[in-house]
Structure formats: C-alpha cells, structure tokens
Amino acid sequence: MPAALCTSELVTNVHLHTKGAAMLRIRLNPARLHVSVFDESPDPPVVAHPAAGVAACWGRGLALVEEVADTWGVAVERAGRYAKGVWFELRPAG
C-alpha cells in the first residue's frame, strides 16, 4: 500500500497544482521501486506540515510521501517537454 499511497499523492498534486500534460514513470528492480511523476510546471513542490490537531482537507500529500517513502525528491533531469519530476523510492520489506 505505500507505493499506491505515494503514487496517488504525486499524481494528485500534478492534477491540482499544474496545467498541461503529465507523465508517470515506474522502474522496478530487486533493490527498489522508483516512481516519478513529471509535469510541465517549473514550480518546485512545497511540503506543508500543518500544526498538530489542525483539521485540513488539503496540504498533507508531500508530508505523507516524506513519511512513507524511503526517500523522495525532485528529479534533476528533464524528461522531454516536462519541466520537473517528483519521485520517491521504496525498498522491499524485510
């Protein structure tokens, strides 16, 4: 479920915060799962950490990815027409 949660959060962020096309890239090998979501916006993603106890419907997506994924970041390479990619990695359990 961590892979589905993190992928959903990254795709949702593209849908909510950018315009234009997006691309999902998934790479799997025995050592890790690497998922990138590329979009046309050059604006960097923002991680929000709402105060404890504050009810909010928005703004926790990247904080969830930060908590669940083994690592995450913004891609340094461009992918064709896409300005940036946000990615995460998960290693096998165990």
C-alpha atoms as a PDB file:
ATOM      1  CA  MET A   1       0.000   0.000   0.000  1.00  0.00           C
ATOM      2  CA  PRO A   2       2.843   2.527   0.497  1.00  0.00           C
ATOM      3  CA  ALA A   3       3.517   2.523  -3.263  1.00  0.00           C
ATOM      4  CA  ALA A   4      -0.140   3.174  -4.077  1.00  0.00           C
ATOM      5  CA  LEU A   5      -0.410   5.949  -1.474  1.00  0.00           C
ATOM      6  CA  CYS A   6       2.733   7.765  -2.613  1.00  0.00           C
ATOM      7  CA  THR A   7       1.903   7.420  -6.313  1.00  0.00           C
ATOM      8  CA  SER A   8      -1.617   8.689  -5.703  1.00  0.00           C
ATOM      9  CA  GLU A   9      -0.310  11.710  -3.801  1.00  0.00           C
ATOM     10  CA  LEU A  10       2.169  12.682  -6.525  1.00  0.00           C
ATOM     11  CA  VAL A  11      -0.385  12.271  -9.324  1.00  0.00           C
ATOM     12  CA  THR A  12      -2.988  14.209  -7.327  1.00  0.00           C
ATOM     13  CA  ASN A  13      -0.518  17.064  -6.782  1.00  0.00           C
ATOM     14  CA  VAL A  14       0.038  17.331 -10.540  1.00  0.00           C
ATOM     15  CA  HIS A  15      -3.707  17.341 -11.153  1.00  0.00           C
ATOM     16  CA  LEU A  16      -4.403  20.005  -8.508  1.00  0.00           C
ATOM     17  CA  HIS A  17      -1.406  22.296  -8.878  1.00  0.00           C
ATOM     18  CA  THR A  18      -0.313  22.241 -12.520  1.00  0.00           C
ATOM     19  CA  LYS A  19      -1.742  22.564 -16.005  1.00  0.00           C
ATOM     20  CA  GLY A  20      -0.796  20.599 -19.069  1.00  0.00           C
ATOM     21  CA  ALA A  21       0.368  17.075 -19.575  1.00  0.00           C
ATOM     22  CA  ALA A  22       1.906  14.731 -17.038  1.00  0.00           C
ATOM     23  CA  MET A  23       3.878  11.516 -17.262  1.00  0.00           C
ATOM     24  CA  LEU A  24       4.178   8.659 -14.773  1.00  0.00           C
ATOM     25  CA  ARG A  25       7.381   6.588 -14.876  1.00  0.00           C
ATOM     26  CA  ILE A  26       7.768   3.424 -12.811  1.00  0.00           C
ATOM     27  CA  ARG A  27      11.017   1.481 -12.518  1.00  0.00           C
ATOM     28  CA  LEU A  28      11.272  -1.747 -10.572  1.00  0.00           C
ATOM     29  CA  ASN A  29      14.312  -3.848  -9.836  1.00  0.00           C
ATOM     30  CA  PRO A  30      15.087  -6.281  -6.994  1.00  0.00           C
ATOM     31  CA  ALA A  31      16.594  -3.494  -4.863  1.00  0.00           C
ATOM     32  CA  ARG A  32      13.916  -0.799  -5.168  1.00  0.00           C
ATOM     33  CA  LEU A  33      10.784   0.659  -6.693  1.00  0.00           C
ATOM     34  CA  HIS A  34      11.322   4.123  -8.209  1.00  0.00           C
ATOM     35  CA  VAL A  35       8.256   6.167  -9.212  1.00  0.00           C
ATOM     36  CA  SER A  36       8.470   9.588 -10.893  1.00  0.00           C
ATOM     37  CA  VAL A  37       5.655  11.916 -11.876  1.00  0.00           C
ATOM     38  CA  PHE A  38       6.700  14.574 -14.395  1.00  0.00           C
ATOM     39  CA  ASP A  39       4.755  17.739 -15.232  1.00  0.00           C
ATOM     40  CA  GLU A  40       5.154  20.921 -17.256  1.00  0.00           C
ATOM     41  CA  SER A  41       5.352  23.345 -14.315  1.00  0.00           C
ATOM     42  CA  PRO A  42       8.784  24.604 -13.248  1.00  0.00           C
ATOM     43  CA  ASP A  43       7.423  25.482  -9.787  1.00  0.00           C
ATOM     44  CA  PRO A  44       9.007  23.359  -7.059  1.00  0.00           C
ATOM     45  CA  PRO A  45       6.760  21.273  -4.828  1.00  0.00           C
ATOM     46  CA  VAL A  46       6.079  22.542  -1.319  1.00  0.00           C
ATOM     47  CA  VAL A  47       5.935  20.268   1.706  1.00  0.00           C
ATOM     48  CA  ALA A  48       3.415  21.514   4.250  1.00  0.00           C
ATOM     49  CA  HIS A  49       3.469  20.417   7.872  1.00  0.00           C
ATOM     50  CA  PRO A  50       0.183  21.650   9.373  1.00  0.00           C
ATOM     51  CA  ALA A  51       0.168  22.054  13.145  1.00  0.00           C
ATOM     52  CA  ALA A  52      -0.896  19.022  15.152  1.00  0.00           C
ATOM     53  CA  GLY A  53      -4.622  18.903  15.750  1.00  0.00           C
ATOM     54  CA  VAL A  54      -5.428  21.244  12.876  1.00  0.00           C
ATOM     55  CA  ALA A  55      -8.145  19.856  10.631  1.00  0.00           C
ATOM     56  CA  ALA A  56      -7.426  20.352   6.940  1.00  0.00           C
ATOM     57  CA  CYS A  57      -8.567  18.648   3.764  1.00  0.00           C
ATOM     58  CA  TRP A  58      -5.535  19.771   1.731  1.00  0.00           C
ATOM     59  CA  GLY A  59      -1.822  20.200   2.059  1.00  0.00           C
ATOM     60  CA  ARG A  60      -0.547  16.974   3.550  1.00  0.00           C
ATOM     61  CA  GLY A  61       0.302  14.990   0.402  1.00  0.00           C
ATOM     62  CA  LEU A  62       4.052  15.506   0.222  1.00  0.00           C
ATOM     63  CA  ALA A  63       4.339  15.223   4.004  1.00  0.00           C
ATOM     64  CA  LEU A  64       2.771  11.759   3.652  1.00  0.00           C
ATOM     65  CA  VAL A  65       5.205  10.845   0.888  1.00  0.00           C
ATOM     66  CA  GLU A  66       8.073  12.124   3.052  1.00  0.00           C
ATOM     67  CA  GLU A  67       6.892   9.919   5.935  1.00  0.00           C
ATOM     68  CA  VAL A  68       6.089   6.734   3.985  1.00  0.00           C
ATOM     69  CA  ALA A  69       8.757   6.579   1.260  1.00  0.00           C
ATOM     70  CA  ASP A  70      12.337   5.536   1.948  1.00  0.00           C
ATOM     71  CA  THR A  71      13.456   8.607   0.022  1.00  0.00           C
ATOM     72  CA  TRP A  72      11.934  11.202  -2.293  1.00  0.00           C
ATOM     73  CA  GLY A  73      12.900  14.340  -4.159  1.00  0.00           C
ATOM     74  CA  VAL A  74      12.691  16.417  -7.293  1.00  0.00           C
ATOM     75  CA  ALA A  75      14.272  14.977 -10.440  1.00  0.00           C
ATOM     76  CA  VAL A  76      17.330  16.829 -11.645  1.00  0.00           C
ATOM     77  CA  GLU A  77      16.868  15.657 -15.233  1.00  0.00           C
ATOM     78  CA  ARG A  78      14.161  16.900 -17.514  1.00  0.00           C
ATOM     79  CA  ALA A  79      12.078  14.384 -19.402  1.00  0.00           C
ATOM     80  CA  GLY A  80      11.343  15.841 -22.838  1.00  0.00           C
ATOM     81  CA  ARG A  81       8.850  18.681 -22.524  1.00  0.00           C
ATOM     82  CA  TYR A  82       8.395  18.203 -18.794  1.00  0.00           C
ATOM     83  CA  ALA A  83       9.906  20.839 -16.514  1.00  0.00           C
ATOM     84  CA  LYS A  84      10.261  18.723 -13.399  1.00  0.00           C
ATOM     85  CA  GLY A  85       9.620  15.336 -11.887  1.00  0.00           C
ATOM     86  CA  VAL A  86       8.842  14.481  -8.301  1.00  0.00           C
ATOM     87  CA  TRP A  87       9.905  10.973  -7.335  1.00  0.00           C
ATOM     88  CA  PHE A  88      10.003   8.506  -4.461  1.00  0.00           C
ATOM     89  CA  GLU A  89      11.697   5.184  -3.791  1.00  0.00           C
ATOM     90  CA  LEU A  90      10.699   2.182  -1.729  1.00  0.00           C
ATOM     91  CA  ARG A  91      12.890  -0.770  -0.864  1.00  0.00           C
ATOM     92  CA  PRO A  92      11.467  -4.261  -0.397  1.00  0.00           C
ATOM     93  CA  ALA A  93      10.138  -5.018   3.069  1.00  0.00           C
ATOM     94  CA  GLY A  94      12.317  -7.180   5.240  1.00  0.00           C
END
